[in-house]
N, C-alpha and C. Protein backbone atom coordinates (compact mmCIF):
# COMPACT_ATOMS: atom_id res chain seq x y z
N MET A 1 17.31 9.63 0.02
CA MET A 1 17.68 8.31 -0.46
C MET A 1 16.54 7.77 -1.32
N ARG A 2 16.88 7.26 -2.49
CA ARG A 2 15.89 6.63 -3.35
C ARG A 2 16.07 5.13 -3.30
N PHE A 3 14.97 4.43 -3.17
CA PHE A 3 15.01 2.97 -3.18
C PHE A 3 15.11 2.43 -4.60
N PHE A 4 14.59 3.19 -5.55
CA PHE A 4 14.48 2.71 -6.92
C PHE A 4 15.08 3.73 -7.87
N THR A 5 15.61 3.25 -8.99
CA THR A 5 16.15 4.14 -10.00
C THR A 5 15.44 3.86 -11.32
N GLY A 6 15.63 4.74 -12.27
CA GLY A 6 14.99 4.58 -13.57
C GLY A 6 13.91 5.63 -13.76
N GLU A 7 13.31 5.62 -14.94
CA GLU A 7 12.33 6.65 -15.23
C GLU A 7 10.98 6.40 -14.58
N ARG A 8 10.63 5.17 -14.34
CA ARG A 8 9.32 4.85 -13.79
C ARG A 8 9.39 4.72 -12.28
N VAL A 9 8.93 5.73 -11.58
CA VAL A 9 8.89 5.69 -10.12
C VAL A 9 7.76 4.73 -9.73
N PRO A 10 7.95 3.96 -8.68
CA PRO A 10 6.93 2.97 -8.29
C PRO A 10 5.62 3.60 -7.84
N VAL A 11 4.61 2.75 -7.77
CA VAL A 11 3.32 3.10 -7.18
C VAL A 11 3.19 2.25 -5.92
N PHE A 12 2.84 2.90 -4.82
CA PHE A 12 2.67 2.20 -3.55
C PHE A 12 1.23 1.69 -3.47
N LEU A 13 1.06 0.42 -3.14
CA LEU A 13 -0.27 -0.18 -3.03
C LEU A 13 -0.66 -0.25 -1.55
N ASP A 14 -1.70 0.49 -1.21
CA ASP A 14 -2.19 0.55 0.17
C ASP A 14 -3.15 -0.61 0.45
N ALA A 15 -3.36 -0.86 1.72
CA ALA A 15 -4.24 -1.96 2.14
C ALA A 15 -5.66 -1.80 1.60
N SER A 16 -6.19 -0.57 1.60
CA SER A 16 -7.57 -0.38 1.13
C SER A 16 -7.72 -0.78 -0.33
N TYR A 17 -6.69 -0.51 -1.13
CA TYR A 17 -6.71 -0.91 -2.54
C TYR A 17 -6.60 -2.43 -2.66
N LEU A 18 -5.61 -3.02 -1.98
CA LEU A 18 -5.40 -4.47 -2.08
C LEU A 18 -6.63 -5.25 -1.59
N LEU A 19 -7.20 -4.81 -0.48
CA LEU A 19 -8.40 -5.49 0.02
C LEU A 19 -9.55 -5.38 -0.98
N ALA A 20 -9.70 -4.23 -1.61
CA ALA A 20 -10.75 -4.06 -2.61
C ALA A 20 -10.54 -4.97 -3.81
N VAL A 21 -9.28 -5.20 -4.19
CA VAL A 21 -9.00 -6.11 -5.31
C VAL A 21 -9.47 -7.52 -4.97
N TYR A 22 -9.16 -7.98 -3.76
CA TYR A 22 -9.40 -9.38 -3.40
C TYR A 22 -10.78 -9.65 -2.82
N MET A 23 -11.48 -8.63 -2.35
CA MET A 23 -12.80 -8.84 -1.72
C MET A 23 -13.91 -8.37 -2.65
N GLU A 24 -14.61 -9.33 -3.23
CA GLU A 24 -15.67 -9.01 -4.18
C GLU A 24 -16.79 -8.19 -3.55
N THR A 25 -16.95 -8.28 -2.24
CA THR A 25 -18.01 -7.55 -1.55
C THR A 25 -17.61 -6.11 -1.23
N ASP A 26 -16.36 -5.75 -1.44
CA ASP A 26 -15.89 -4.39 -1.16
C ASP A 26 -16.56 -3.40 -2.11
N VAL A 27 -16.97 -2.27 -1.59
CA VAL A 27 -17.64 -1.24 -2.39
C VAL A 27 -16.75 -0.74 -3.54
N HIS A 28 -15.44 -0.85 -3.39
CA HIS A 28 -14.51 -0.37 -4.42
C HIS A 28 -13.97 -1.50 -5.30
N HIS A 29 -14.52 -2.70 -5.18
CA HIS A 29 -13.96 -3.87 -5.88
C HIS A 29 -13.87 -3.65 -7.40
N LYS A 30 -14.95 -3.21 -8.01
CA LYS A 30 -14.95 -3.06 -9.47
C LYS A 30 -13.86 -2.08 -9.93
N ARG A 31 -13.77 -0.93 -9.26
CA ARG A 31 -12.74 0.05 -9.62
C ARG A 31 -11.34 -0.50 -9.37
N ALA A 32 -11.18 -1.22 -8.26
CA ALA A 32 -9.87 -1.78 -7.93
C ALA A 32 -9.42 -2.80 -8.98
N VAL A 33 -10.33 -3.62 -9.44
CA VAL A 33 -9.99 -4.61 -10.47
C VAL A 33 -9.60 -3.92 -11.76
N GLU A 34 -10.34 -2.87 -12.15
CA GLU A 34 -9.98 -2.10 -13.35
C GLU A 34 -8.58 -1.50 -13.19
N LEU A 35 -8.34 -0.90 -12.04
CA LEU A 35 -7.06 -0.29 -11.76
C LEU A 35 -5.93 -1.33 -11.73
N SER A 36 -6.24 -2.51 -11.22
CA SER A 36 -5.21 -3.56 -11.13
C SER A 36 -4.68 -3.96 -12.50
N LYS A 37 -5.52 -3.87 -13.50
CA LYS A 37 -5.07 -4.21 -14.86
C LYS A 37 -3.99 -3.22 -15.31
N ALA A 38 -4.21 -1.94 -15.08
CA ALA A 38 -3.21 -0.92 -15.44
C ALA A 38 -1.94 -1.09 -14.60
N ILE A 39 -2.11 -1.40 -13.33
CA ILE A 39 -0.94 -1.61 -12.45
C ILE A 39 -0.17 -2.85 -12.89
N ASP A 40 -0.89 -3.92 -13.21
CA ASP A 40 -0.24 -5.15 -13.67
C ASP A 40 0.55 -4.93 -14.97
N GLU A 41 0.10 -4.00 -15.78
CA GLU A 41 0.79 -3.69 -17.04
C GLU A 41 1.85 -2.61 -16.86
N ASN A 42 2.19 -2.29 -15.61
CA ASN A 42 3.22 -1.30 -15.25
C ASN A 42 2.94 0.10 -15.78
N GLU A 43 1.68 0.45 -15.93
CA GLU A 43 1.35 1.80 -16.40
C GLU A 43 1.73 2.86 -15.36
N TYR A 44 1.83 2.46 -14.11
CA TYR A 44 2.19 3.39 -13.04
C TYR A 44 3.58 3.09 -12.48
N GLY A 45 4.31 2.20 -13.08
CA GLY A 45 5.61 1.81 -12.58
C GLY A 45 5.52 0.56 -11.73
N LEU A 46 6.63 0.20 -11.14
CA LEU A 46 6.72 -0.99 -10.31
C LEU A 46 5.74 -0.91 -9.14
N ALA A 47 4.99 -1.99 -8.92
CA ALA A 47 4.05 -2.05 -7.79
C ALA A 47 4.81 -2.46 -6.53
N VAL A 48 4.71 -1.61 -5.49
CA VAL A 48 5.36 -1.90 -4.21
C VAL A 48 4.35 -1.74 -3.08
N THR A 49 4.63 -2.41 -1.99
CA THR A 49 3.87 -2.24 -0.76
C THR A 49 4.83 -2.48 0.39
N SER A 50 4.32 -2.45 1.60
CA SER A 50 5.19 -2.68 2.75
C SER A 50 4.79 -3.96 3.47
N ALA A 51 5.70 -4.45 4.28
CA ALA A 51 5.40 -5.62 5.10
C ALA A 51 4.25 -5.31 6.06
N ASP A 52 4.16 -4.06 6.49
CA ASP A 52 3.07 -3.65 7.39
C ASP A 52 1.71 -3.72 6.68
N VAL A 53 1.65 -3.26 5.45
CA VAL A 53 0.42 -3.33 4.67
C VAL A 53 0.09 -4.80 4.39
N PHE A 54 1.09 -5.59 4.05
CA PHE A 54 0.91 -7.03 3.82
C PHE A 54 0.27 -7.67 5.06
N ASP A 55 0.79 -7.34 6.24
CA ASP A 55 0.25 -7.85 7.50
C ASP A 55 -1.21 -7.44 7.65
N GLU A 56 -1.51 -6.18 7.39
CA GLU A 56 -2.87 -5.67 7.54
C GLU A 56 -3.83 -6.39 6.60
N VAL A 57 -3.44 -6.57 5.35
CA VAL A 57 -4.29 -7.23 4.36
C VAL A 57 -4.55 -8.69 4.75
N LEU A 58 -3.51 -9.41 5.13
CA LEU A 58 -3.70 -10.80 5.51
C LEU A 58 -4.52 -10.93 6.79
N SER A 59 -4.33 -10.04 7.73
CA SER A 59 -5.10 -10.09 8.98
C SER A 59 -6.59 -9.85 8.74
N VAL A 60 -6.91 -8.85 7.92
CA VAL A 60 -8.31 -8.58 7.61
C VAL A 60 -8.92 -9.74 6.84
N THR A 61 -8.18 -10.27 5.86
CA THR A 61 -8.67 -11.40 5.08
C THR A 61 -8.90 -12.62 5.97
N LEU A 62 -7.99 -12.86 6.89
CA LEU A 62 -8.14 -13.98 7.83
C LEU A 62 -9.41 -13.83 8.66
N ARG A 63 -9.64 -12.63 9.20
CA ARG A 63 -10.82 -12.40 10.04
C ARG A 63 -12.12 -12.54 9.25
N LYS A 64 -12.13 -12.05 8.03
CA LYS A 64 -13.37 -12.03 7.25
C LYS A 64 -13.64 -13.31 6.48
N PHE A 65 -12.57 -13.97 6.00
CA PHE A 65 -12.77 -15.09 5.09
C PHE A 65 -12.07 -16.38 5.48
N GLY A 66 -11.24 -16.36 6.50
CA GLY A 66 -10.60 -17.58 6.96
C GLY A 66 -9.17 -17.75 6.47
N LYS A 67 -8.56 -18.77 7.03
CA LYS A 67 -7.14 -19.03 6.81
C LYS A 67 -6.78 -19.31 5.35
N GLU A 68 -7.55 -20.16 4.69
CA GLU A 68 -7.21 -20.52 3.31
C GLU A 68 -7.24 -19.31 2.38
N SER A 69 -8.26 -18.46 2.53
CA SER A 69 -8.33 -17.25 1.71
C SER A 69 -7.15 -16.33 2.00
N SER A 70 -6.81 -16.21 3.28
CA SER A 70 -5.68 -15.37 3.67
C SER A 70 -4.37 -15.90 3.08
N LYS A 71 -4.19 -17.21 3.11
CA LYS A 71 -2.98 -17.80 2.53
C LYS A 71 -2.92 -17.57 1.02
N THR A 72 -4.06 -17.68 0.34
CA THR A 72 -4.12 -17.47 -1.11
C THR A 72 -3.76 -16.02 -1.45
N VAL A 73 -4.34 -15.08 -0.72
CA VAL A 73 -4.04 -13.67 -0.96
C VAL A 73 -2.56 -13.41 -0.69
N GLY A 74 -2.03 -13.97 0.38
CA GLY A 74 -0.61 -13.79 0.71
C GLY A 74 0.29 -14.29 -0.40
N ARG A 75 -0.01 -15.46 -0.94
CA ARG A 75 0.81 -16.00 -2.05
C ARG A 75 0.73 -15.10 -3.29
N GLN A 76 -0.47 -14.59 -3.57
CA GLN A 76 -0.62 -13.73 -4.75
C GLN A 76 0.16 -12.43 -4.60
N ILE A 77 0.08 -11.83 -3.42
CA ILE A 77 0.81 -10.58 -3.20
C ILE A 77 2.31 -10.84 -3.25
N LYS A 78 2.77 -11.85 -2.54
CA LYS A 78 4.21 -12.16 -2.53
C LYS A 78 4.74 -12.47 -3.92
N GLY A 79 3.91 -13.05 -4.77
CA GLY A 79 4.35 -13.43 -6.10
C GLY A 79 4.34 -12.32 -7.12
N THR A 80 3.72 -11.18 -6.80
CA THR A 80 3.55 -10.15 -7.82
C THR A 80 3.97 -8.74 -7.41
N ILE A 81 4.15 -8.50 -6.12
CA ILE A 81 4.40 -7.14 -5.63
C ILE A 81 5.70 -7.11 -4.83
N CYS A 82 6.50 -6.09 -5.06
CA CYS A 82 7.73 -5.89 -4.29
C CYS A 82 7.33 -5.42 -2.88
N ILE A 83 7.78 -6.15 -1.86
CA ILE A 83 7.43 -5.82 -0.48
C ILE A 83 8.64 -5.19 0.20
N ILE A 84 8.43 -3.97 0.72
CA ILE A 84 9.49 -3.23 1.40
C ILE A 84 9.37 -3.46 2.90
N HIS A 85 10.49 -3.78 3.53
CA HIS A 85 10.52 -4.00 4.97
C HIS A 85 11.13 -2.78 5.64
N ALA A 86 10.41 -2.24 6.60
CA ALA A 86 10.89 -1.04 7.31
C ALA A 86 12.05 -1.41 8.23
N ASP A 87 13.07 -0.55 8.24
CA ASP A 87 14.17 -0.72 9.19
C ASP A 87 13.97 0.26 10.34
N ILE A 88 14.91 0.33 11.26
CA ILE A 88 14.77 1.19 12.43
C ILE A 88 14.67 2.66 12.03
N HIS A 89 15.40 3.07 11.00
CA HIS A 89 15.32 4.46 10.56
C HIS A 89 13.92 4.78 10.03
N THR A 90 13.37 3.89 9.24
CA THR A 90 12.01 4.07 8.71
C THR A 90 11.01 4.12 9.86
N PHE A 91 11.19 3.25 10.84
CA PHE A 91 10.32 3.24 12.02
C PHE A 91 10.36 4.60 12.73
N GLU A 92 11.55 5.14 12.91
CA GLU A 92 11.69 6.43 13.61
C GLU A 92 11.04 7.56 12.80
N VAL A 93 11.22 7.56 11.49
CA VAL A 93 10.58 8.57 10.65
C VAL A 93 9.06 8.43 10.74
N ALA A 94 8.58 7.20 10.69
CA ALA A 94 7.13 6.94 10.81
C ALA A 94 6.60 7.44 12.14
N TYR A 95 7.35 7.20 13.20
CA TYR A 95 6.88 7.66 14.51
C TYR A 95 6.84 9.19 14.59
N ARG A 96 7.82 9.85 13.99
CA ARG A 96 7.81 11.32 13.97
C ARG A 96 6.58 11.84 13.21
N ILE A 97 6.25 11.18 12.11
CA ILE A 97 5.06 11.55 11.35
C ILE A 97 3.81 11.34 12.22
N PHE A 98 3.72 10.18 12.85
CA PHE A 98 2.59 9.85 13.71
C PHE A 98 2.44 10.86 14.84
N ASP A 99 3.56 11.16 15.49
CA ASP A 99 3.56 12.04 16.65
C ASP A 99 3.24 13.49 16.30
N SER A 100 3.63 13.93 15.11
CA SER A 100 3.46 15.34 14.75
C SER A 100 2.18 15.63 13.98
N SER A 101 1.51 14.61 13.50
CA SER A 101 0.31 14.82 12.68
C SER A 101 -0.94 14.96 13.54
N ASN A 102 -1.82 15.86 13.14
CA ASN A 102 -3.12 15.98 13.78
C ASN A 102 -4.18 15.15 13.07
N GLU A 103 -3.80 14.56 11.95
CA GLU A 103 -4.72 13.72 11.18
C GLU A 103 -4.76 12.32 11.80
N PRO A 104 -5.88 11.62 11.67
CA PRO A 104 -6.01 10.30 12.29
C PRO A 104 -5.39 9.16 11.48
N PHE A 105 -4.15 9.35 10.99
CA PHE A 105 -3.45 8.28 10.28
C PHE A 105 -3.06 7.19 11.26
N SER A 106 -3.25 5.94 10.86
CA SER A 106 -2.77 4.82 11.68
C SER A 106 -1.25 4.79 11.62
N PHE A 107 -0.64 4.04 12.52
CA PHE A 107 0.82 3.94 12.47
C PHE A 107 1.27 3.27 11.17
N THR A 108 0.50 2.31 10.68
CA THR A 108 0.82 1.69 9.39
C THR A 108 0.79 2.73 8.28
N ASP A 109 -0.20 3.62 8.31
CA ASP A 109 -0.25 4.70 7.31
C ASP A 109 0.96 5.63 7.42
N CYS A 110 1.41 5.86 8.64
CA CYS A 110 2.60 6.70 8.84
C CYS A 110 3.86 6.00 8.33
N THR A 111 3.92 4.68 8.50
CA THR A 111 5.03 3.92 7.94
C THR A 111 5.00 3.98 6.42
N THR A 112 3.81 3.91 5.85
CA THR A 112 3.66 4.07 4.40
C THR A 112 4.20 5.43 3.97
N GLN A 113 3.82 6.48 4.68
CA GLN A 113 4.31 7.81 4.35
C GLN A 113 5.84 7.89 4.46
N ALA A 114 6.40 7.28 5.49
CA ALA A 114 7.86 7.30 5.66
C ALA A 114 8.55 6.59 4.50
N ILE A 115 8.06 5.43 4.14
CA ILE A 115 8.64 4.67 3.02
C ILE A 115 8.53 5.48 1.73
N MET A 116 7.37 6.10 1.52
CA MET A 116 7.18 6.88 0.30
C MET A 116 8.12 8.09 0.27
N ARG A 117 8.27 8.78 1.39
CA ARG A 117 9.17 9.93 1.45
C ARG A 117 10.61 9.50 1.18
N MET A 118 11.04 8.48 1.88
CA MET A 118 12.42 8.03 1.77
C MET A 118 12.73 7.48 0.38
N GLY A 119 11.74 6.84 -0.23
CA GLY A 119 11.94 6.28 -1.57
C GLY A 119 11.53 7.21 -2.69
N GLN A 120 11.11 8.42 -2.34
CA GLN A 120 10.64 9.40 -3.32
C GLN A 120 9.55 8.82 -4.22
N ILE A 121 8.64 8.09 -3.59
CA ILE A 121 7.49 7.51 -4.28
C ILE A 121 6.36 8.51 -4.18
N ARG A 122 5.82 8.92 -5.30
CA ARG A 122 4.81 9.99 -5.33
C ARG A 122 3.41 9.50 -5.62
N ARG A 123 3.25 8.22 -5.97
CA ARG A 123 1.92 7.69 -6.32
C ARG A 123 1.50 6.63 -5.32
N ILE A 124 0.20 6.65 -4.99
CA ILE A 124 -0.34 5.63 -4.10
C ILE A 124 -1.71 5.19 -4.62
N ALA A 125 -1.90 3.89 -4.70
CA ALA A 125 -3.21 3.33 -5.04
C ALA A 125 -3.91 3.07 -3.72
N THR A 126 -4.95 3.83 -3.46
CA THR A 126 -5.66 3.73 -2.18
C THR A 126 -7.08 4.25 -2.32
N PHE A 127 -7.95 3.76 -1.46
CA PHE A 127 -9.29 4.30 -1.34
C PHE A 127 -9.44 5.03 -0.01
N ASP A 128 -8.35 5.18 0.69
CA ASP A 128 -8.32 5.89 1.97
C ASP A 128 -8.23 7.38 1.68
N ARG A 129 -9.29 8.11 1.93
CA ARG A 129 -9.38 9.54 1.63
C ARG A 129 -8.35 10.38 2.39
N LEU A 130 -7.84 9.90 3.51
CA LEU A 130 -6.85 10.66 4.26
C LEU A 130 -5.61 10.97 3.43
N PHE A 131 -5.23 10.05 2.54
CA PHE A 131 -4.04 10.26 1.73
C PHE A 131 -4.20 11.42 0.74
N GLU A 132 -5.45 11.81 0.46
CA GLU A 132 -5.68 12.95 -0.42
C GLU A 132 -5.22 14.26 0.22
N LYS A 133 -5.02 14.27 1.54
CA LYS A 133 -4.55 15.47 2.24
C LYS A 133 -3.06 15.67 2.09
N LEU A 134 -2.37 14.69 1.55
CA LEU A 134 -0.92 14.77 1.37
C LEU A 134 -0.58 15.19 -0.04
N ASP A 135 0.64 15.60 -0.25
CA ASP A 135 1.10 16.02 -1.56
C ASP A 135 1.53 14.78 -2.36
N LEU A 136 0.54 13.98 -2.75
CA LEU A 136 0.77 12.73 -3.48
C LEU A 136 -0.22 12.63 -4.63
N GLU A 137 0.11 11.79 -5.59
CA GLU A 137 -0.84 11.45 -6.65
C GLU A 137 -1.60 10.22 -6.16
N VAL A 138 -2.86 10.42 -5.82
CA VAL A 138 -3.70 9.32 -5.34
C VAL A 138 -4.39 8.70 -6.54
N ILE A 139 -4.17 7.41 -6.71
CA ILE A 139 -4.76 6.66 -7.82
C ILE A 139 -5.84 5.78 -7.24
N ALA A 140 -7.08 6.05 -7.60
CA ALA A 140 -8.20 5.22 -7.12
C ALA A 140 -9.44 5.55 -7.90
């Protein structure tokens, strides 16, 4: 099943990338900002993320910078990125990935993999090196 049609397959935005964009103190901030310009101009296709990644980004931002910063980041993401919500089927696929993998992927990362598989999304913007072990185009 494909979530999207057309010639430009989406790029999935992972939490490590999004956090690097918004956190000036992040070691990957400069690269993330450069990359965000290309993503904003649709050079990699439609920018998508998941509700789980959205949760992770806002939770980390809340802990590190407070409520107002977290609300600002949330508004920016909601206003510019297509957010995919996992259904029960996606959850089950994610759990099978989690259960069968020997790699230390978080359950959120497994949900990302499930969404990408089901949507035939082949690109991911991430600074998480674990994703390099998968058959994906890692943009970072």
